[in-house]
Protein backbone atom coordinates (compact mmCIF):
# COMPACT_ATOMS: atom_id res chain seq x y z
CA MET A 1 0.00 0.00 0.00
CA PRO A 2 1.54 3.38 -1.00
CA LYS A 3 2.38 5.70 1.88
CA ASP A 4 0.45 8.96 2.37
CA LEU A 5 2.58 12.00 1.53
CA PRO A 6 1.47 15.48 2.70
CA GLY A 7 0.37 17.56 -0.27
CA PHE A 8 0.37 14.58 -2.70
CA TYR A 9 -2.05 11.85 -3.76
CA PHE A 10 -1.30 8.46 -5.36
CA ASP A 11 -2.76 7.57 -8.76
CA ALA A 12 -3.03 3.76 -8.92
CA GLU A 13 -3.47 3.65 -12.73
CA LYS A 14 -0.33 5.70 -13.40
CA ASN A 15 1.45 4.25 -10.38
CA ARG A 16 2.89 7.60 -9.20
CA TYR A 17 2.27 10.54 -6.88
CA PHE A 18 0.76 13.84 -7.99
CA PRO A 19 0.68 17.15 -6.05
CA TYR A 20 -2.69 18.57 -5.07
CA LYS A 21 -3.67 21.37 -7.44
CA GLY A 22 -7.04 22.93 -6.89
CA PRO A 23 -9.77 20.75 -5.32
CA ILE A 24 -8.81 17.56 -3.50
CA PRO A 25 -10.23 14.51 -5.32
CA GLY A 26 -13.60 13.70 -3.83
CA SER A 27 -14.21 17.16 -2.33
CA SER A 28 -17.10 19.41 -3.34
CA THR A 29 -16.57 21.26 -6.61
CA LYS A 30 -18.43 24.31 -5.27
CA PRO A 31 -16.84 25.40 -2.00
CA PRO A 32 -19.04 27.24 0.48
CA PRO A 33 -18.26 30.96 0.58
CA SER A 34 -16.24 31.97 3.63
CA ARG A 35 -17.53 34.95 5.60
CA PRO A 36 -15.36 38.07 5.37
CA PRO A 37 -13.90 39.38 8.62
CA PRO A 38 -16.05 42.20 10.00
CA SER A 39 -14.40 45.62 10.17
CA HIS A 40 -15.13 45.86 13.91
CA GLN A 41 -15.84 42.94 16.22
CA PRO A 42 -16.89 42.96 19.89
CA GLN A 43 -13.71 42.92 21.91
CA ALA A 44 -14.92 40.32 24.39
CA ASP A 45 -14.70 37.43 21.91
CA SER A 46 -12.36 38.91 19.28
CA SER A 47 -9.54 36.53 20.23
CA CYS A 48 -11.68 33.42 19.67
CA GLN A 49 -13.13 34.79 16.44
CA SER A 50 -9.64 35.63 15.21
CA ILE A 51 -8.44 32.07 15.81
CA LYS A 52 -11.53 30.59 14.12
CA LEU A 53 -11.14 32.82 11.08
CA ARG A 54 -7.48 31.88 10.68
CA GLN A 55 -8.42 28.20 10.89
CA LYS A 56 -11.06 28.68 8.19
CA LEU A 57 -8.60 30.50 5.95
CA ILE A 58 -5.99 27.78 6.33
CA GLN A 59 -8.61 25.11 5.65
CA SER A 60 -9.78 26.97 2.55
CA ARG A 61 -6.23 27.16 1.22
CA GLU A 62 -5.68 23.45 1.83
CA LEU A 63 -8.90 22.55 0.01
CA TRP A 64 -8.83 24.98 -2.89
CA GLY A 65 -5.21 26.12 -3.23
CA ASN A 66 -4.07 29.74 -3.04
CA VAL A 67 -7.43 30.96 -4.37
CA ILE A 68 -10.20 31.28 -1.78
CA PHE A 69 -13.83 32.31 -2.13
CA CYS A 70 -15.07 35.42 -0.29
CA ARG A 71 -18.14 37.57 -1.00
CA LYS A 72 -18.78 35.22 -3.96
CA GLU A 73 -15.42 36.29 -5.40
CA LYS A 74 -12.12 34.55 -5.95
CA LEU A 75 -9.36 36.12 -3.82
CA ASN A 76 -5.68 35.47 -3.28
CA PHE A 77 -5.19 33.75 0.09
CA GLN A 78 -2.03 35.66 1.01
CA SER A 79 -3.52 39.04 0.12
CA PHE A 80 -6.73 38.30 2.02
CA TYR A 81 -4.84 37.17 5.11
CA GLN A 82 -2.54 40.24 5.06
CA LYS A 83 -5.55 42.55 4.98
CA TYR A 84 -7.11 40.84 7.94
CA HIS A 85 -3.76 40.79 9.73
CA ALA A 86 -3.30 44.56 9.28
CA SER A 87 -6.67 45.22 10.91
CA GLN A 88 -5.69 43.51 14.20
CA PRO A 89 -2.77 45.48 15.74
CA MET A 90 -1.52 45.75 19.29
CA ILE A 91 -0.46 49.26 20.35
CA TRP A 92 1.69 50.48 23.24
CA LYS A 93 2.23 53.98 24.62
CA TYR A 94 5.51 55.06 26.25
CA LYS A 95 5.34 57.19 29.38
CA GLY A 96 7.42 60.34 29.67
CA THR A 97 7.55 61.06 25.92
CA LYS A 98 5.04 63.92 25.69
CA LYS A 99 5.78 66.64 23.08
CA ILE A 100 9.01 65.03 21.84
CA ALA A 101 7.78 63.19 18.74
CA ASN A 102 4.87 65.16 17.30
CA ILE A 103 6.79 66.50 14.27
CA ALA A 104 8.64 63.53 12.74
CA LEU A 105 10.14 60.09 13.44
CA GLY A 106 13.00 58.16 11.86
CA HIS A 107 14.64 54.76 12.29
CA VAL A 108 18.20 53.55 11.80
CA VAL A 109 20.44 50.71 12.97
CA ALA A 110 23.64 52.00 14.60
CA ASP A 111 26.45 50.91 16.93
CA VAL A 112 26.03 51.80 20.60
CA SER A 113 28.90 51.86 23.09
CA SER A 114 28.15 50.00 26.34
CA GLN A 115 30.01 48.37 29.19
CA HIS A 116 30.00 45.14 27.16
CA GLY A 117 31.55 46.83 24.11
CA LEU A 118 29.90 47.89 20.87
CA MET A 119 26.38 46.60 20.27
CA GLU A 120 24.27 47.02 17.15
CA ARG A 121 20.98 48.55 18.20
CA ASP A 122 17.86 50.01 16.62
CA ILE A 123 17.78 53.78 17.09
CA LEU A 124 14.58 55.84 17.01
CA VAL A 125 15.11 59.47 16.00
CA SER A 126 12.32 61.79 17.13
CA VAL A 127 11.61 65.45 16.49
CA GLY A 128 9.28 67.40 18.76
CA ALA A 129 8.14 70.88 19.60
CA ASN A 130 10.59 73.82 19.82
CA GLY A 131 13.23 72.08 17.68
CA LEU A 132 13.85 69.22 20.13
CA LEU A 133 15.82 66.33 18.59
CA CYS A 134 16.19 63.05 20.53
CA LEU A 135 17.83 59.66 19.95
CA PHE A 136 16.37 56.60 21.70
CA PRO A 137 18.01 53.16 21.86
CA VAL A 138 15.47 50.43 21.10
CA GLY A 139 15.72 46.77 22.06
CA GLN A 140 13.77 43.57 22.40
CA ALA A 141 12.49 42.57 25.83
CA GLU A 142 15.40 40.22 26.39
CA GLN A 143 18.08 42.64 25.25
CA GLU A 144 20.17 44.67 27.66
CA VAL A 145 18.33 47.93 28.15
CA ASP A 146 18.80 49.47 31.58
CA PRO A 147 15.38 49.10 33.29
CA MET A 148 16.11 52.22 35.35
CA GLU A 149 16.40 54.29 32.17
CA THR A 150 13.57 52.79 30.13
CA HIS A 151 10.27 54.41 29.25
CA LYS A 152 7.50 52.14 30.52
CA ALA A 153 5.19 50.79 27.79
CA ASP A 154 1.46 50.45 28.49
CA LEU A 155 -0.82 48.50 26.16
CA VAL A 156 -3.52 50.92 24.95
CA TRP A 157 -5.09 48.80 22.19
CA PRO A 158 -7.03 46.52 22.23
CA PRO A 159 -8.71 48.01 25.31
CA ASN A 160 -9.46 44.63 26.95
CA SER A 161 -5.86 43.51 27.40
CA ASP A 162 -6.89 40.97 30.06
CA ILE A 163 -8.85 38.93 27.49
CA LEU A 164 -6.48 38.99 24.53
CA PRO A 165 -3.16 37.15 24.75
CA ARG A 166 -0.16 39.35 25.59
CA ARG A 167 2.77 38.88 23.22
CA LYS A 168 5.71 40.22 25.19
CA GLU A 169 8.11 39.58 22.34
CA LEU A 170 6.26 42.23 20.31
CA VAL A 171 6.90 44.97 22.88
CA LYS A 172 9.90 47.20 22.16
CA GLN A 173 12.00 48.53 25.02
CA LEU A 174 12.52 52.26 24.53
CA GLY A 175 15.62 53.45 26.37
CA SER A 176 16.30 56.92 27.70
CA SER A 177 17.48 59.71 25.37
CA TYR A 178 19.46 61.32 28.20
CA GLY A 179 22.67 62.74 26.77
CA SER A 180 21.40 62.22 23.20
CA MET A 181 19.13 65.20 22.71
CA THR A 182 19.56 68.78 21.54
CA TYR A 183 17.53 71.88 20.66
CA LEU A 184 17.82 73.46 17.22
CA THR A 185 17.54 77.18 16.54
CA SER A 186 13.98 76.86 15.16
CA ASP A 187 11.25 74.28 14.63
CA VAL A 188 12.16 71.22 12.55
CA SER A 189 10.15 70.92 9.33
CA SER A 190 11.36 67.55 7.96
CA ILE A 191 13.66 64.61 8.58
CA LYS A 192 14.73 62.18 5.84
CA LEU A 193 17.00 59.14 5.87
CA LEU A 194 19.56 59.53 3.11
CA ARG A 195 19.35 56.86 0.41
CA LYS A 196 22.71 55.67 -0.88
CA SER A 197 22.49 53.20 -3.74
CA CYS A 198 26.30 53.01 -3.82
CA LEU A 199 26.29 51.10 -0.52
CA PRO A 200 26.37 47.27 -0.52
CA ALA A 201 22.96 45.59 -0.39
CA ASP A 202 23.37 44.55 3.25
CA ILE A 203 24.31 48.04 4.49
CA MET A 204 21.78 50.78 5.18
CA SER A 205 22.58 54.47 5.27
CA LYS A 206 23.07 55.97 8.75
CA HIS A 207 22.68 59.62 7.78
CA PHE A 208 19.62 61.83 8.24
CA LEU A 209 18.89 65.07 6.42
CA ILE A 210 17.09 67.56 8.70
CA THR A 211 15.61 70.95 7.80
CA THR A 212 14.39 73.76 10.08
CA LEU A 213 11.73 76.30 9.22
CA GLY A 214 13.68 79.35 10.29
CA SER A 215 12.43 82.26 12.40
CA GLU A 216 12.84 85.99 12.89
CA SER A 217 16.11 85.39 14.73
CA ALA A 218 17.43 82.37 12.80
CA SER A 219 17.73 81.30 9.17
CA GLY A 220 16.18 78.16 7.77
CA SER A 221 18.94 75.54 7.84
CA VAL A 222 19.81 72.12 6.46
CA TYR A 223 21.60 69.75 8.84
CA LEU A 224 23.22 66.32 8.52
CA LEU A 225 22.85 63.85 11.40
CA ASP A 226 25.67 61.29 11.09
CA LEU A 227 25.06 58.10 13.11
CA SER A 228 27.79 56.04 11.43
CA LYS A 229 30.06 56.39 14.48
CA PRO A 230 29.38 54.61 17.81
CA LEU A 231 26.81 56.38 19.99
CA HIS A 232 27.33 57.06 23.70
CA PHE A 233 24.19 57.24 25.81
CA GLY A 234 24.30 58.64 29.32
CA ALA A 235 26.72 61.52 28.74
CA SER A 236 25.20 64.89 29.67
CA VAL A 237 26.32 66.64 26.47
CA PRO A 238 24.36 67.57 23.31
CA ILE A 239 24.40 65.32 20.26
CA GLN A 240 27.86 65.56 18.70
CA GLU A 241 27.06 63.82 15.39
CA PHE A 242 25.27 66.88 14.08
CA HIS A 243 26.43 69.69 11.78
CA GLU A 244 24.95 72.36 9.52
CA LEU A 245 25.28 72.01 5.73
CA ALA A 246 23.69 75.27 4.59
CA SER A 247 21.39 78.08 5.72
CA PHE A 248 18.93 80.20 3.74
CA GLU A 249 16.82 83.31 4.17
CA GLN A 250 13.78 81.39 2.97
CA THR A 251 11.42 79.25 5.03
CA LEU A 252 12.35 75.58 4.52
CA TRP A 253 9.32 73.29 4.46
CA ALA A 254 10.54 69.91 3.22
CA ALA A 255 13.50 67.96 1.82
CA ASP A 256 14.32 64.73 0.02
CA CYS A 257 17.59 63.26 -1.29
CA ASP A 258 18.62 61.41 -4.45
CA PRO A 259 19.58 57.70 -4.40
CA GLU A 260 23.32 58.49 -4.29
CA GLY A 261 22.95 60.78 -1.27
CA ARG A 262 24.74 63.64 -3.04
CA ARG A 263 21.92 66.07 -3.80
CA ALA A 264 18.83 67.14 -1.90
CA ALA A 265 15.65 68.81 -3.12
CA ILE A 266 14.52 71.55 -0.74
CA GLY A 267 10.99 72.99 -0.69
CA THR A 268 10.82 76.65 0.37
CA ASN A 269 8.35 79.55 0.47
CA ARG A 270 9.74 80.76 -2.89
CA GLY A 271 10.00 77.51 -4.81
CA ALA A 272 12.24 74.45 -4.89
CA MET A 273 16.01 74.21 -5.06
CA LEU A 274 18.67 71.53 -5.39
CA LEU A 275 21.44 71.44 -2.77
CA ASN A 276 24.77 69.71 -3.34
CA LEU A 277 25.38 67.94 0.00
CA GLU A 278 29.14 67.75 -0.58
CA THR A 279 29.82 71.38 -1.53
CA GLY A 280 26.82 73.18 0.00
CA ILE A 281 26.08 74.93 -3.32
CA SER A 282 22.40 75.37 -4.18
CA SER A 283 20.50 76.22 -7.37
CA TRP A 284 16.83 76.91 -8.08
CA VAL A 285 14.88 74.34 -10.09
CA LEU A 286 11.46 75.96 -9.63
CA ARG A 287 10.46 79.49 -8.68
CA CYS A 288 6.84 80.11 -7.77
CA LYS A 289 4.70 82.37 -5.59
CA SER A 290 3.16 79.48 -3.66
CA ASP A 291 5.07 77.66 -0.88
CA VAL A 292 6.46 74.22 -1.77
CA LEU A 293 5.30 72.26 1.30
CA SER A 294 6.52 68.84 0.15
CA VAL A 295 9.08 67.46 -2.32
CA GLN A 296 10.18 64.07 -3.64
CA LEU A 297 13.14 63.11 -5.80
CA VAL A 298 12.29 60.05 -7.88
CA GLN A 299 14.81 57.20 -7.94
CA SER A 300 16.52 58.46 -11.08
CA GLY A 301 17.37 61.69 -9.23
CA LYS A 302 16.47 63.70 -12.33
CA VAL A 303 12.85 64.56 -11.55
CA VAL A 304 11.55 66.54 -8.57
CA ILE A 305 7.89 66.29 -7.58
CA CYS A 306 6.73 69.45 -5.78
CA GLY A 307 3.56 69.78 -3.69
CA LEU A 308 2.40 73.41 -3.37
CA ARG A 309 0.31 75.30 -0.86
CA ASN A 310 -2.18 76.20 -3.63
CA GLY A 311 -2.89 72.48 -4.19
CA ALA A 312 -0.80 72.03 -7.34
CA ILE A 313 1.59 69.10 -7.81
CA MET A 314 4.33 69.91 -10.30
CA THR A 315 6.72 67.42 -11.89
CA VAL A 316 10.01 69.20 -12.61
CA ASP A 317 12.73 67.78 -14.85
CA THR A 318 15.96 69.21 -13.42
CA ARG A 319 17.67 68.93 -16.83
CA GLN A 320 15.38 71.51 -18.41
CA LYS A 321 15.68 75.28 -18.21
CA GLN A 322 13.42 77.14 -15.79
CA ILE A 323 11.63 78.99 -18.60
CA LYS A 324 10.41 75.71 -20.08
CA ARG A 325 9.38 74.41 -16.66
CA ARG A 326 7.10 77.40 -16.09
CA ALA A 327 5.38 77.00 -19.45
CA ASP A 328 4.84 73.25 -19.37
CA ARG A 329 1.39 72.90 -17.77
CA SER A 330 1.07 69.26 -18.89
CA LEU A 331 3.26 68.28 -15.94
CA THR A 332 0.92 69.86 -13.37
CA MET A 333 -2.06 68.40 -11.51
CA SER A 334 -4.19 69.76 -8.70
CA MET A 335 -5.49 68.53 -5.36
CA PRO A 336 -8.42 70.15 -3.51
CA SER A 337 -6.17 71.99 -0.99
CA SER A 338 -2.56 72.41 0.15
CA VAL A 339 -0.38 69.37 -0.53
CA CYS A 340 1.09 68.45 2.86
CA CYS A 341 2.86 65.15 2.08
CA LEU A 342 4.36 63.30 -0.89
CA SER A 343 5.74 59.77 -0.65
CA SER A 344 7.36 57.89 -3.54
CA LEU A 345 7.13 54.10 -3.78
CA ASP A 346 10.44 52.25 -4.12
CA LEU A 347 9.17 48.98 -5.61
CA TRP A 348 6.98 50.81 -8.16
CA ASP A 349 9.12 53.88 -8.82
CA GLN A 350 6.62 55.42 -11.26
CA TYR A 351 4.04 55.87 -8.50
CA PHE A 352 3.79 58.27 -5.58
CA LEU A 353 1.27 59.02 -2.83
CA ALA A 354 0.02 62.52 -2.10
CA SER A 355 -2.13 63.93 0.70
CA SER A 356 -3.71 67.35 1.07
CA MET A 357 -5.01 69.30 4.03
CA ASP A 358 -8.65 68.55 3.27
CA GLY A 359 -8.02 64.87 4.05
CA SER A 360 -7.60 63.65 0.46
CA ILE A 361 -5.04 60.88 -0.08
CA LYS A 362 -4.36 59.72 -3.64
CA LEU A 363 -1.99 57.53 -5.65
CA TYR A 364 -0.53 58.97 -8.87
CA ASP A 365 1.51 57.67 -11.78
CA HIS A 366 3.79 60.53 -12.84
CA ARG A 367 3.86 59.12 -16.40
CA LEU A 368 0.09 59.76 -16.63
CA ILE A 369 -0.23 63.09 -14.86
CA GLN A 370 -3.07 64.37 -17.06
CA LYS A 371 -5.31 61.38 -16.28
CA GLY A 372 -5.42 62.18 -12.58
CA PRO A 373 -5.06 59.74 -9.65
CA VAL A 374 -5.08 55.99 -10.20
CA GLN A 375 -6.37 55.27 -6.67
CA SER A 376 -8.01 57.19 -3.80
CA TYR A 377 -8.11 56.48 -0.08
CA GLU A 378 -11.26 57.74 1.59
CA GLY A 379 -12.04 58.58 5.20
CA SER A 380 -9.12 60.70 6.42
CA VAL A 381 -10.04 63.83 8.41
CA ASN A 382 -7.91 66.96 8.09
CA SER A 383 -8.29 70.71 7.66
CA HIS A 384 -4.94 72.44 8.29
CA THR A 385 -2.43 69.99 9.83
CA ARG A 386 0.71 68.66 8.14
CA ILE A 387 0.34 64.90 8.72
CA GLU A 388 2.86 62.35 7.46
CA LEU A 389 1.99 59.31 5.38
CA GLY A 390 3.56 56.00 6.39
CA VAL A 391 4.11 53.12 3.95
CA ASP A 392 5.13 49.67 5.20
CA PRO A 393 8.41 48.21 3.84
CA SER A 394 6.63 45.76 1.53
CA GLU A 395 4.44 48.63 0.27
CA LYS A 396 1.17 46.81 0.87
CA VAL A 397 -0.53 49.41 3.08
CA VAL A 398 -0.44 53.17 3.71
CA MET A 399 -1.07 54.69 7.15
CA SER A 400 -2.17 58.17 8.17
CA GLY A 401 -3.46 59.96 11.23
CA GLY A 402 -6.33 62.45 11.26
CA GLU A 403 -7.49 65.52 13.12
CA ASP A 404 -10.24 63.35 14.63
CA CYS A 405 -7.36 61.52 16.45
CA TYR A 406 -7.99 58.28 14.51
CA ILE A 407 -5.29 56.21 12.84
CA ARG A 408 -6.24 54.62 9.51
CA LEU A 409 -4.69 51.97 7.26
CA TRP A 410 -5.57 51.37 3.61
CA ASP A 411 -4.64 48.72 1.09
CA ILE A 412 -2.46 50.59 -1.44
CA LYS A 413 -3.68 48.68 -4.50
CA THR A 414 -7.42 48.50 -3.81
CA GLY A 415 -7.95 51.58 -1.60
CA GLU A 416 -9.85 49.45 0.94
CA MET A 417 -9.70 50.77 4.52
CA LEU A 418 -8.24 48.05 6.73
CA LEU A 419 -8.12 49.80 10.10
CA LYS A 420 -9.82 52.77 11.76
CA GLU A 421 -9.15 53.11 15.48
CA LYS A 422 -8.78 55.84 18.08
CA PHE A 423 -6.40 55.17 20.97
CA MET A 424 -5.16 58.70 21.75
CA ASN A 425 -6.62 62.16 22.25
CA SER A 426 -4.21 64.04 20.00
CA ILE A 427 -3.42 63.96 16.28
CA PRO A 428 -1.16 61.06 15.15
CA SER A 429 0.98 63.41 13.05
CA ALA A 430 4.20 61.37 12.69
CA VAL A 431 4.56 57.84 11.30
CA CYS A 432 7.69 55.75 10.81
CA TRP A 433 7.96 52.19 9.51
CA PRO A 434 11.45 50.78 10.16
CA ARG A 435 13.38 49.41 7.20
CA ARG A 436 16.09 46.79 7.06
CA ALA A 437 18.82 46.03 4.56
CA ALA A 438 16.79 43.05 3.33
CA PHE A 439 14.10 45.40 2.04
CA ARG A 440 15.61 46.32 -1.31
CA ALA A 441 14.02 48.22 -4.15
CA ASP A 442 15.30 45.82 -6.82
CA GLY A 443 13.31 42.94 -5.33
CA GLN A 444 16.35 40.75 -4.59
CA ASP A 445 16.37 38.96 -1.21
CA TYR A 446 13.16 40.77 -0.41
CA ARG A 447 11.32 39.61 2.72
CA ASN A 448 7.62 39.89 3.32
CA TYR A 449 7.09 42.39 6.12
CA TRP A 450 3.89 40.70 7.30
CA GLN A 451 5.79 37.47 7.98
CA ASP A 452 8.43 39.23 10.08
CA HIS A 453 7.30 40.18 13.58
CA SER A 454 10.59 41.87 14.51
CA LEU A 455 9.43 45.16 12.98
CA GLY A 456 6.47 47.38 13.79
CA ALA A 457 5.35 50.94 13.14
CA TRP A 458 6.25 53.92 15.33
CA LEU A 459 3.67 56.67 15.82
CA GLY A 460 4.21 60.16 17.20
CA SER A 461 1.75 62.72 18.56
CA TYR A 462 1.59 65.51 21.11
CA GLU A 463 0.82 62.83 23.75
CA GLY A 464 4.07 60.99 23.05
CA ILE A 465 5.48 57.93 21.27
CA PHE A 466 3.40 54.87 20.40
CA TYR A 467 4.41 51.50 18.94
CA MET A 468 2.19 49.31 16.78
CA ASP A 469 2.79 45.64 16.01
CA TRP A 470 0.77 42.62 14.91
CA LEU A 471 0.24 39.08 16.18
């Protein structure tokens, strides 16, 4: 008698094994439709319902392959499971972090000097009110983070933490920023991790580009935060890895860098300029009467996308003369109000996300500017706040806060809202999804974020720092 092999069946006539493809022989040819997960379930039995749904999904995949039936439609199992997964986060709030992360957040992996020698550690870079810049060492629960200098994390979502299982390995230990904080001369307007394509695939850049708005007493400035050298926490001195690249009379609203990390696009109240990061020399690429509140350099480094206060989005080819740029209206589109955030996609470098201050969030293809957005994401609430967009490393979902204090997640391809929850009483204005060297734009050695529980999303608001992860 032939042995049973998982995933195979034995054909007696042909005297060989065959893999299961589609329905298992003898099973029903018309599978019963599986019920879609509700957008909001009662918290008392959400854990049990979650387990049951996962069991049904797994059973459906075993019976009918990677295609499952939902709402009388055929859906991809992996895509369906990721959507459900994204809608079930666990969220922690860190005490003692009020007003220090409401502007922007960044993530990098750097060497930290300790009594045991150099240790590679995740570093969270936060920017808060009054130009406050802080560096926080981050570790897993079992890593050596001094408990006397750690911000305590309280689970704030789901609200019934006694019913749902606690996953301690998902909680990040946020160390103290004591000795690794400084005040800049004016409010910080943007922070960007430099992209350096010249680095080996397993090495990520450890440099941040930071811009300040400027004030009556100080110019708008561009700074470089260099975290390539070992960090020393505990010393009562300002951050030493910090120096000014250039200063301007204009108000600096936003910045982005090219893949080589040599040039930066700067959005100002008079237009957009390119800054050579090695020489400090700048040149205008776009002059306009409306403030450029957001900028993006596409991966080629030859095109700058500018989001203006008047709602226009302009695509500027830096190789053309300014006169031609002004006249070429075919490279301009409009959003309903001021464009507060632009975010290019790395895996699909022809696409970028844009949000405006009326709550609109849209996906564009800059090759088809005249045809308008290719996707819209409904439900965000905004009127005047600059709120960041966050995209996960695998570029499956986009996240944004709102003035109603809700956090929302959408599926990038379909526009479906996957999560809408309120767990704070202030605007979630800063979002940061950590990236690793394995997440590469060329698709090589690319890991699926939703199968890796070592990374989660950082959120910043006036109330403090929050961390979101998934079971």
